C-alpha atoms as a PDB file:
ATOM      1  CA  GLU A   1     162.952  10.499 166.964  1.00  0.00           C
ATOM      2  CA  ALA A   2     165.734  10.325 164.395  1.00  0.00           C
ATOM      3  CA  ALA A   3     164.708   6.827 163.342  1.00  0.00           C
ATOM      4  CA  ARG A   4     161.010   7.946 162.965  1.00  0.00           C
ATOM      5  CA  ALA A   5     162.060  10.972 160.847  1.00  0.00           C
ATOM      6  CA  ASP A   6     164.231   8.768 158.685  1.00  0.00           C
ATOM      7  CA  ALA A   7     161.385   6.247 158.208  1.00  0.00           C
ATOM      8  CA  GLN A   8     158.984   9.056 157.183  1.00  0.00           C
ATOM      9  CA  ARG A   9     161.518  10.426 154.674  1.00  0.00           C
ATOM     10  CA  ARG A  10     161.836   6.846 153.178  1.00  0.00           C
ATOM     11  CA  GLN A  11     158.089   6.498 152.925  1.00  0.00           C
ATOM     12  CA  LEU A  12     157.671   9.969 151.273  1.00  0.00           C
ATOM     13  CA  ALA A  13     160.344   9.135 148.722  1.00  0.00           C
ATOM     14  CA  ARG A  14     158.620   5.823 147.894  1.00  0.00           C
ATOM     15  CA  LEU A  15     155.269   7.556 147.646  1.00  0.00           C
ATOM     16  CA  ARG A  16     156.800  10.220 145.288  1.00  0.00           C
ATOM     17  CA  ARG A  17     158.352   7.496 143.015  1.00  0.00           C
ATOM     18  CA  ARG A  18     155.209   5.470 142.781  1.00  0.00           C
ATOM     19  CA  ALA A  19     152.314   7.971 142.888  1.00  0.00           C
ATOM     20  CA  ARG A  20     150.612   8.892 139.593  1.00  0.00           C
ATOM     21  CA  ALA A  21     149.855  12.365 140.962  1.00  0.00           C
ATOM     22  CA  GLY A  22     151.870  14.991 142.732  1.00  0.00           C
ATOM     23  CA  VAL A  23     152.502  14.581 146.458  1.00  0.00           C
ATOM     24  CA  LEU A  24     151.988  17.541 148.747  1.00  0.00           C
ATOM     25  CA  THR A  25     153.286  17.591 152.263  1.00  0.00           C
ATOM     26  CA  LEU A  26     151.789  19.500 155.173  1.00  0.00           C
ATOM     27  CA  PRO A  27     153.455  20.888 158.253  1.00  0.00           C
ATOM     28  CA  PHE A  28     153.739  18.475 161.265  1.00  0.00           C
ATOM     29  CA  VAL A  29     151.218  19.217 163.969  1.00  0.00           C
ATOM     30  CA  PHE A  30     152.875  18.746 167.375  1.00  0.00           C
ATOM     31  CA  SER A  31     149.801  17.618 169.251  1.00  0.00           C
ATOM     32  CA  PRO A  32     148.650  14.261 170.577  1.00  0.00           C
ATOM     33  CA  ALA A  33     145.232  14.792 168.963  1.00  0.00           C
ATOM     34  CA  LEU A  34     144.070  17.060 166.164  1.00  0.00           C
ATOM     35  CA  GLY A  35     141.491  19.629 167.218  1.00  0.00           C
ATOM     36  CA  VAL A  36     139.183  21.844 164.939  1.00  0.00           C
ATOM     37  CA  PRO A  37     141.835  24.676 164.865  1.00  0.00           C
ATOM     38  CA  ASP A  38     144.526  22.266 163.776  1.00  0.00           C
ATOM     39  CA  VAL A  39     142.425  20.746 161.048  1.00  0.00           C
ATOM     40  CA  ALA A  40     141.338  24.236 159.961  1.00  0.00           C
ATOM     41  CA  ALA A  41     145.035  25.396 159.706  1.00  0.00           C
ATOM     42  CA  LEU A  42     146.005  22.172 157.739  1.00  0.00           C
ATOM     43  CA  GLY A  43     143.058  22.796 155.404  1.00  0.00           C
ATOM     44  CA  ALA A  44     144.036  26.416 154.841  1.00  0.00           C
ATOM     45  CA  GLU A  45     147.653  25.313 154.069  1.00  0.00           C
ATOM     46  CA  LEU A  46     146.390  22.666 151.662  1.00  0.00           C
ATOM     47  CA  ALA A  47     144.082  25.140 149.858  1.00  0.00           C
ATOM     48  CA  ARG A  48     147.040  27.506 149.535  1.00  0.00           C
ATOM     49  CA  ARG A  49     149.222  24.926 147.968  1.00  0.00           C
ATOM     50  CA  LEU A  50     146.613  23.602 145.533  1.00  0.00           C
END
């Protein structure tokens, strides 16, 4: 788990360094598959941040 979190942090840092646009992050969804409510919640969070 710690190794995965570290890899994700490194990927995010690399993306932020190289992206020409701002990078937004969304909350992690602790579910093996995204359902409609999960996607709706992520969409609402994204809309709020934009």
